[in-house]
Amino acid sequence: MQILERIEDQMSATGLPLVGITLAAVPCPDTPVILTLHWHGFIKQKLAELEEAETVAYTPIPSSSLQLNDRWRDLRAVDHAAMEAGWALGAWDVERAERPACFRPGADPSEEFECMQAFGTYPCNIQGNQVAICDAPDVDDLLEVAAMRGYLLWAFRPVRGSIWKDFADDATLSDEGRRSLPCPHAPVPPKCAGKGRMVYRFGIPTERALPVPRPN
């Protein structure tokens, strides 16, 4: 799966720093997955479309949700692709959450909103501002399956091309905030049996990686 390539293409196209990245999938082979990139930045709102016009407000840049149609037969392939992307882009860790179906007896109403959010769709704007731009033709079908069968959500914060580069304390990173592929960690198969959480830890604090001085 070309998750890393799609992320890097979007980073090059926008030139904006990232805050975080999520990937959502339903537990059904060969279904599309939704990649969402959360940007850091603001759009200047002016009373007139003139360079010298004064800025009257700043609007957060919406997240970008993209549909990826790569073929896959096993969720471990999606898991591995998410890990590779997080590893290469310098993330401290990659978290995988398994979420149950929200259309079930006793489900909290907030679970439906979280499901929509995971797939890049929001039922309303926030203070009149668009939260995400979703380019996913099959998202309604995916939401229907997720509501009935549950879904998986991967999340990580990259260092490369993000706001976290100046704050990363990680001995495994290059000066550009990257790591060389392949990722040395093996995927742990999800159970897809309700709620579950798996965290793949990649980072090592700089001070822990320094050699311990020996006494004279």
C-alpha atoms as a PDB file:
ATOM      1  CA  MET A   1       0.000   0.000   0.000  1.00  0.00           C
ATOM      2  CA  GLN A   2       1.302   3.438  -0.929  1.00  0.00           C
ATOM      3  CA  ILE A   3       0.311   5.337   2.199  1.00  0.00           C
ATOM      4  CA  LEU A   4       3.712   6.948   2.702  1.00  0.00           C
ATOM      5  CA  GLU A   5       3.869   8.069  -0.926  1.00  0.00           C
ATOM      6  CA  ARG A   6       0.426   9.667  -0.754  1.00  0.00           C
ATOM      7  CA  ILE A   7       1.326  11.521   2.441  1.00  0.00           C
ATOM      8  CA  GLU A   8       4.547  12.859   0.937  1.00  0.00           C
ATOM      9  CA  ASP A   9       2.714  13.912  -2.241  1.00  0.00           C
ATOM     10  CA  GLN A  10       0.237  15.928  -0.197  1.00  0.00           C
ATOM     11  CA  MET A  11       3.011  17.495   1.881  1.00  0.00           C
ATOM     12  CA  SER A  12       4.820  18.596  -1.272  1.00  0.00           C
ATOM     13  CA  ALA A  13       1.635  19.934  -2.846  1.00  0.00           C
ATOM     14  CA  THR A  14       0.509  22.043   0.114  1.00  0.00           C
ATOM     15  CA  GLY A  15       3.819  23.091   1.650  1.00  0.00           C
ATOM     16  CA  LEU A  16       2.031  23.158   5.031  1.00  0.00           C
ATOM     17  CA  PRO A  17       3.244  21.627   8.296  1.00  0.00           C
ATOM     18  CA  LEU A  18       1.335  18.655   9.661  1.00  0.00           C
ATOM     19  CA  VAL A  19      -0.091  18.169  13.138  1.00  0.00           C
ATOM     20  CA  GLY A  20      -1.140  14.533  12.820  1.00  0.00           C
ATOM     21  CA  ILE A  21      -2.203  11.758  10.474  1.00  0.00           C
ATOM     22  CA  THR A  22      -4.992   9.186  10.760  1.00  0.00           C
ATOM     23  CA  LEU A  23      -5.993   6.203   8.668  1.00  0.00           C
ATOM     24  CA  ALA A  24      -9.398   4.515   8.893  1.00  0.00           C
ATOM     25  CA  ALA A  25     -10.462   1.140   7.498  1.00  0.00           C
ATOM     26  CA  VAL A  26     -13.316  -1.330   7.854  1.00  0.00           C
ATOM     27  CA  PRO A  27     -12.521  -5.029   8.484  1.00  0.00           C
ATOM     28  CA  CYS A  28     -13.442  -6.120   4.954  1.00  0.00           C
ATOM     29  CA  PRO A  29     -10.771  -7.063   2.368  1.00  0.00           C
ATOM     30  CA  ASP A  30     -10.248  -4.874  -0.700  1.00  0.00           C
ATOM     31  CA  THR A  31     -12.268  -1.960   0.626  1.00  0.00           C
ATOM     32  CA  PRO A  32     -10.907   1.594   0.371  1.00  0.00           C
ATOM     33  CA  VAL A  33      -9.169   3.187   3.333  1.00  0.00           C
ATOM     34  CA  ILE A  34      -9.438   6.851   4.295  1.00  0.00           C
ATOM     35  CA  LEU A  35      -6.258   8.819   4.895  1.00  0.00           C
ATOM     36  CA  THR A  36      -6.693  12.119   6.762  1.00  0.00           C
ATOM     37  CA  LEU A  37      -3.949  14.708   7.108  1.00  0.00           C
ATOM     38  CA  HIS A  38      -4.393  17.342   9.807  1.00  0.00           C
ATOM     39  CA  TRP A  39      -2.633  20.587   8.867  1.00  0.00           C
ATOM     40  CA  HIS A  40      -1.334  23.453  10.953  1.00  0.00           C
ATOM     41  CA  GLY A  41      -2.062  26.871   9.525  1.00  0.00           C
ATOM     42  CA  PHE A  42      -4.650  29.569   9.010  1.00  0.00           C
ATOM     43  CA  ILE A  43      -6.425  31.174   6.091  1.00  0.00           C
ATOM     44  CA  LYS A  44      -6.485  34.959   6.236  1.00  0.00           C
ATOM     45  CA  GLN A  45      -9.946  36.452   5.834  1.00  0.00           C
ATOM     46  CA  LYS A  46     -10.068  39.960   4.364  1.00  0.00           C
ATOM     47  CA  LEU A  47     -12.873  42.351   3.587  1.00  0.00           C
ATOM     48  CA  ALA A  48     -11.484  42.782   0.060  1.00  0.00           C
ATOM     49  CA  GLU A  49      -9.347  40.612  -2.230  1.00  0.00           C
ATOM     50  CA  LEU A  50      -6.456  43.063  -2.163  1.00  0.00           C
ATOM     51  CA  GLU A  51      -2.875  42.494  -1.035  1.00  0.00           C
ATOM     52  CA  GLU A  52      -2.918  45.619   1.105  1.00  0.00           C
ATOM     53  CA  ALA A  53      -6.311  44.820   2.677  1.00  0.00           C
ATOM     54  CA  GLU A  54      -6.267  44.246   6.417  1.00  0.00           C
ATOM     55  CA  THR A  55      -6.833  40.753   7.772  1.00  0.00           C
ATOM     56  CA  VAL A  56      -9.986  40.642   9.889  1.00  0.00           C
ATOM     57  CA  ALA A  57      -9.967  36.975  10.919  1.00  0.00           C
ATOM     58  CA  TYR A  58      -7.987  33.763  10.695  1.00  0.00           C
ATOM     59  CA  THR A  59      -9.661  30.460   9.768  1.00  0.00           C
ATOM     60  CA  PRO A  60      -7.970  27.122  10.558  1.00  0.00           C
ATOM     61  CA  ILE A  61      -6.985  25.192   7.453  1.00  0.00           C
ATOM     62  CA  PRO A  62      -9.314  22.168   7.082  1.00  0.00           C
ATOM     63  CA  SER A  63      -7.953  18.650   7.285  1.00  0.00           C
ATOM     64  CA  SER A  64      -7.636  16.697   4.031  1.00  0.00           C
ATOM     65  CA  SER A  65      -9.293  13.279   3.747  1.00  0.00           C
ATOM     66  CA  LEU A  66      -8.369  11.097   0.766  1.00  0.00           C
ATOM     67  CA  GLN A  67      -9.665   7.743  -0.405  1.00  0.00           C
ATOM     68  CA  LEU A  68      -6.967   5.136  -1.106  1.00  0.00           C
ATOM     69  CA  ASN A  69      -8.017   2.255  -3.341  1.00  0.00           C
ATOM     70  CA  ASP A  70      -4.985  -0.014  -2.931  1.00  0.00           C
ATOM     71  CA  ARG A  71      -5.852  -3.714  -2.888  1.00  0.00           C
ATOM     72  CA  TRP A  72      -5.364  -5.655   0.363  1.00  0.00           C
ATOM     73  CA  ARG A  73      -6.446  -9.053   1.626  1.00  0.00           C
ATOM     74  CA  ASP A  74      -5.364  -8.954   5.267  1.00  0.00           C
ATOM     75  CA  LEU A  75      -5.567  -6.145   7.824  1.00  0.00           C
ATOM     76  CA  ARG A  76      -1.931  -6.804   8.644  1.00  0.00           C
ATOM     77  CA  ALA A  77      -1.106  -5.263   5.260  1.00  0.00           C
ATOM     78  CA  VAL A  78      -2.845  -2.016   6.278  1.00  0.00           C
ATOM     79  CA  ASP A  79      -1.218  -2.220   9.699  1.00  0.00           C
ATOM     80  CA  HIS A  80       2.220  -2.651   8.143  1.00  0.00           C
ATOM     81  CA  ALA A  81       1.706   0.243   5.700  1.00  0.00           C
ATOM     82  CA  ALA A  82       0.643   2.564   8.536  1.00  0.00           C
ATOM     83  CA  MET A  83       3.678   1.504  10.585  1.00  0.00           C
ATOM     84  CA  GLU A  84       6.018   2.072   7.624  1.00  0.00           C
ATOM     85  CA  ALA A  85       4.624   5.580   7.108  1.00  0.00           C
ATOM     86  CA  GLY A  86       4.891   6.472  10.789  1.00  0.00           C
ATOM     87  CA  TRP A  87       8.396   5.007  11.033  1.00  0.00           C
ATOM     88  CA  ALA A  88       9.707   6.783   7.913  1.00  0.00           C
ATOM     89  CA  LEU A  89       8.201  10.143   8.915  1.00  0.00           C
ATOM     90  CA  GLY A  90       9.741  10.015  12.387  1.00  0.00           C
ATOM     91  CA  ALA A  91       6.662   9.418  14.541  1.00  0.00           C
ATOM     92  CA  TRP A  92       7.335   8.552  18.180  1.00  0.00           C
ATOM     93  CA  ASP A  93       4.721   5.793  17.910  1.00  0.00           C
ATOM     94  CA  VAL A  94       1.778   4.564  15.866  1.00  0.00           C
ATOM     95  CA  GLU A  95      -1.454   3.807  17.718  1.00  0.00           C
ATOM     96  CA  ARG A  96      -4.083   1.438  16.353  1.00  0.00           C
ATOM     97  CA  ALA A  97      -7.560   1.548  17.857  1.00  0.00           C
ATOM     98  CA  GLU A  98     -10.254  -1.051  17.202  1.00  0.00           C
ATOM     99  CA  ARG A  99     -13.716   0.456  17.446  1.00  0.00           C
ATOM    100  CA  PRO A 100     -16.985  -1.502  17.694  1.00  0.00           C
ATOM    101  CA  ALA A 101     -20.068  -0.950  15.587  1.00  0.00           C
ATOM    102  CA  CYS A 102     -21.869   2.195  16.678  1.00  0.00           C
ATOM    103  CA  PHE A 103     -25.260   0.865  15.486  1.00  0.00           C
ATOM    104  CA  ARG A 104     -25.652  -1.568  18.383  1.00  0.00           C
ATOM    105  CA  PRO A 105     -27.836  -1.652  21.494  1.00  0.00           C
ATOM    106  CA  GLY A 106     -26.409   0.501  24.259  1.00  0.00           C
ATOM    107  CA  ALA A 107     -23.911   2.371  22.077  1.00  0.00           C
ATOM    108  CA  ASP A 108     -23.118   5.902  23.225  1.00  0.00           C
ATOM    109  CA  PRO A 109     -24.364   8.576  20.775  1.00  0.00           C
ATOM    110  CA  SER A 110     -20.846  10.030  20.633  1.00  0.00           C
ATOM    111  CA  GLU A 111     -19.589   6.853  18.922  1.00  0.00           C
ATOM    112  CA  GLU A 112     -21.443   7.740  15.723  1.00  0.00           C
ATOM    113  CA  PHE A 113     -19.757  11.134  15.609  1.00  0.00           C
ATOM    114  CA  GLU A 114     -16.348   9.533  16.269  1.00  0.00           C
ATOM    115  CA  CYS A 115     -16.947   7.112  13.417  1.00  0.00           C
ATOM    116  CA  MET A 116     -17.789   9.928  11.005  1.00  0.00           C
ATOM    117  CA  GLN A 117     -14.774  11.886  12.205  1.00  0.00           C
ATOM    118  CA  ALA A 118     -12.472   8.899  11.632  1.00  0.00           C
ATOM    119  CA  PHE A 119     -13.561   8.715   7.994  1.00  0.00           C
ATOM    120  CA  GLY A 120     -13.165  12.441   7.402  1.00  0.00           C
ATOM    121  CA  THR A 121     -16.812  13.489   7.495  1.00  0.00           C
ATOM    122  CA  TYR A 122     -18.378  15.868   9.999  1.00  0.00           C
ATOM    123  CA  PRO A 123     -22.122  16.416  10.480  1.00  0.00           C
ATOM    124  CA  CYS A 124     -21.603  20.135  11.099  1.00  0.00           C
ATOM    125  CA  ASN A 125     -19.081  22.936  10.870  1.00  0.00           C
ATOM    126  CA  ILE A 126     -17.309  24.446  13.874  1.00  0.00           C
ATOM    127  CA  GLN A 127     -18.088  28.139  14.302  1.00  0.00           C
ATOM    128  CA  GLY A 128     -19.095  28.192  10.655  1.00  0.00           C
ATOM    129  CA  ASN A 129     -15.728  26.848   9.475  1.00  0.00           C
ATOM    130  CA  GLN A 130     -15.249  23.668   7.467  1.00  0.00           C
ATOM    131  CA  VAL A 131     -13.387  21.078   9.538  1.00  0.00           C
ATOM    132  CA  ALA A 132     -12.297  18.710   6.775  1.00  0.00           C
ATOM    133  CA  ILE A 133     -12.321  18.454   2.996  1.00  0.00           C
ATOM    134  CA  CYS A 134     -13.191  14.877   2.086  1.00  0.00           C
ATOM    135  CA  ASP A 135     -12.281  13.526  -1.363  1.00  0.00           C
ATOM    136  CA  ALA A 136     -13.718  10.041  -0.916  1.00  0.00           C
ATOM    137  CA  PRO A 137     -16.443   8.873  -3.340  1.00  0.00           C
ATOM    138  CA  ASP A 138     -17.186   5.724  -1.327  1.00  0.00           C
ATOM    139  CA  VAL A 139     -17.190   7.237   2.145  1.00  0.00           C
ATOM    140  CA  ASP A 140     -20.944   6.807   2.668  1.00  0.00           C
ATOM    141  CA  ASP A 141     -20.680   3.073   1.958  1.00  0.00           C
ATOM    142  CA  LEU A 142     -17.680   2.786   4.270  1.00  0.00           C
ATOM    143  CA  LEU A 143     -19.549   4.554   7.055  1.00  0.00           C
ATOM    144  CA  GLU A 144     -22.461   2.165   6.667  1.00  0.00           C
ATOM    145  CA  VAL A 145     -20.161  -0.855   6.972  1.00  0.00           C
ATOM    146  CA  ALA A 146     -18.263   0.706   9.898  1.00  0.00           C
ATOM    147  CA  ALA A 147     -21.526   1.401  11.723  1.00  0.00           C
ATOM    148  CA  MET A 148     -22.560  -2.252  11.401  1.00  0.00           C
ATOM    149  CA  ARG A 149     -19.214  -4.069  11.721  1.00  0.00           C
ATOM    150  CA  GLY A 150     -16.845  -1.652  13.447  1.00  0.00           C
ATOM    151  CA  TYR A 151     -13.639  -0.136  12.107  1.00  0.00           C
ATOM    152  CA  LEU A 152      -9.956   0.418  12.801  1.00  0.00           C
ATOM    153  CA  LEU A 153      -8.180   3.730  13.218  1.00  0.00           C
ATOM    154  CA  TRP A 154      -4.426   4.335  13.055  1.00  0.00           C
ATOM    155  CA  ALA A 155      -2.991   7.616  14.335  1.00  0.00           C
ATOM    156  CA  PHE A 156       0.486   9.123  14.577  1.00  0.00           C
ATOM    157  CA  ARG A 157       2.259  12.455  14.741  1.00  0.00           C
ATOM    158  CA  PRO A 158       5.059  12.752  12.180  1.00  0.00           C
ATOM    159  CA  VAL A 159       8.220  14.708  12.850  1.00  0.00           C
ATOM    160  CA  ARG A 160       9.223  15.159   9.226  1.00  0.00           C
ATOM    161  CA  GLY A 161       7.310  18.119   7.762  1.00  0.00           C
ATOM    162  CA  SER A 162       5.403  18.829  10.957  1.00  0.00           C
ATOM    163  CA  ILE A 163       5.188  21.247  13.854  1.00  0.00           C
ATOM    164  CA  TRP A 164       6.878  18.661  16.088  1.00  0.00           C
ATOM    165  CA  LYS A 165      10.326  18.776  14.459  1.00  0.00           C
ATOM    166  CA  ASP A 166      11.747  21.350  16.879  1.00  0.00           C
ATOM    167  CA  PHE A 167      10.438  19.444  19.910  1.00  0.00           C
ATOM    168  CA  ALA A 168      11.425  15.878  19.040  1.00  0.00           C
ATOM    169  CA  ASP A 169      13.745  14.236  21.567  1.00  0.00           C
ATOM    170  CA  ASP A 170      14.418  11.020  19.708  1.00  0.00           C
ATOM    171  CA  ALA A 171      17.808   9.417  19.148  1.00  0.00           C
ATOM    172  CA  THR A 172      16.529   7.336  16.223  1.00  0.00           C
ATOM    173  CA  LEU A 173      15.847  10.319  13.936  1.00  0.00           C
ATOM    174  CA  SER A 174      17.981  11.940  11.252  1.00  0.00           C
ATOM    175  CA  ASP A 175      18.451  15.711  11.158  1.00  0.00           C
ATOM    176  CA  GLU A 176      15.437  15.878   8.814  1.00  0.00           C
ATOM    177  CA  GLY A 177      13.243  13.980  11.268  1.00  0.00           C
ATOM    178  CA  ARG A 178      13.192  10.756   9.259  1.00  0.00           C
ATOM    179  CA  ARG A 179      14.109   7.096   9.692  1.00  0.00           C
ATOM    180  CA  SER A 180      15.326   4.678   7.046  1.00  0.00           C
ATOM    181  CA  LEU A 181      12.995   1.936   5.855  1.00  0.00           C
ATOM    182  CA  PRO A 182      12.093  -0.822   6.423  1.00  0.00           C
ATOM    183  CA  CYS A 183      10.366  -0.538   9.773  1.00  0.00           C
ATOM    184  CA  PRO A 184      11.893  -3.211  12.045  1.00  0.00           C
ATOM    185  CA  HIS A 185       8.645  -3.894  13.937  1.00  0.00           C
ATOM    186  CA  ALA A 186       6.273  -6.700  12.954  1.00  0.00           C
ATOM    187  CA  PRO A 187       2.498  -6.120  12.873  1.00  0.00           C
ATOM    188  CA  VAL A 188       0.382  -7.644  15.621  1.00  0.00           C
ATOM    189  CA  PRO A 189      -2.870  -8.908  14.054  1.00  0.00           C
ATOM    190  CA  PRO A 190      -5.980  -7.065  15.291  1.00  0.00           C
ATOM    191  CA  LYS A 191      -8.690  -9.124  16.947  1.00  0.00           C
ATOM    192  CA  CYS A 192     -11.655  -7.143  15.539  1.00  0.00           C
ATOM    193  CA  ALA A 193     -13.736  -8.194  18.527  1.00  0.00           C
ATOM    194  CA  GLY A 194     -14.897  -4.845  19.872  1.00  0.00           C
ATOM    195  CA  LYS A 195     -12.703  -2.289  21.549  1.00  0.00           C
ATOM    196  CA  GLY A 196      -8.948  -2.759  21.377  1.00  0.00           C
ATOM    197  CA  ARG A 197      -5.756  -0.726  21.373  1.00  0.00           C
ATOM    198  CA  MET A 198      -2.224  -1.391  20.168  1.00  0.00           C
ATOM    199  CA  VAL A 199       0.706   1.038  20.348  1.00  0.00           C
ATOM    200  CA  TYR A 200       3.845   0.465  18.297  1.00  0.00           C
ATOM    201  CA  ARG A 201       6.580   2.391  20.082  1.00  0.00           C
ATOM    202  CA  PHE A 202       9.445   3.598  17.869  1.00  0.00           C
ATOM    203  CA  GLY A 203      11.172   6.482  19.636  1.00  0.00           C
ATOM    204  CA  ILE A 204      14.114   6.404  22.042  1.00  0.00           C
ATOM    205  CA  PRO A 205      14.872   9.482  24.205  1.00  0.00           C
ATOM    206  CA  THR A 206      18.240  11.023  23.416  1.00  0.00           C
ATOM    207  CA  GLU A 207      19.472  10.867  27.005  1.00  0.00           C
ATOM    208  CA  ARG A 208      18.709   7.148  27.200  1.00  0.00           C
ATOM    209  CA  ALA A 209      20.732   6.511  24.046  1.00  0.00           C
ATOM    210  CA  LEU A 210      23.868   8.266  25.398  1.00  0.00           C
ATOM    211  CA  PRO A 211      26.590   6.002  26.832  1.00  0.00           C
ATOM    212  CA  VAL A 212      26.831   5.934  30.608  1.00  0.00           C
ATOM    213  CA  PRO A 213      30.211   7.346  31.725  1.00  0.00           C
ATOM    214  CA  ARG A 214      32.392   4.922  33.613  1.00  0.00           C
ATOM    215  CA  PRO A 215      34.014   5.939  36.898  1.00  0.00           C
ATOM    216  CA  ASN A 216      37.787   6.437  36.877  1.00  0.00           C
END
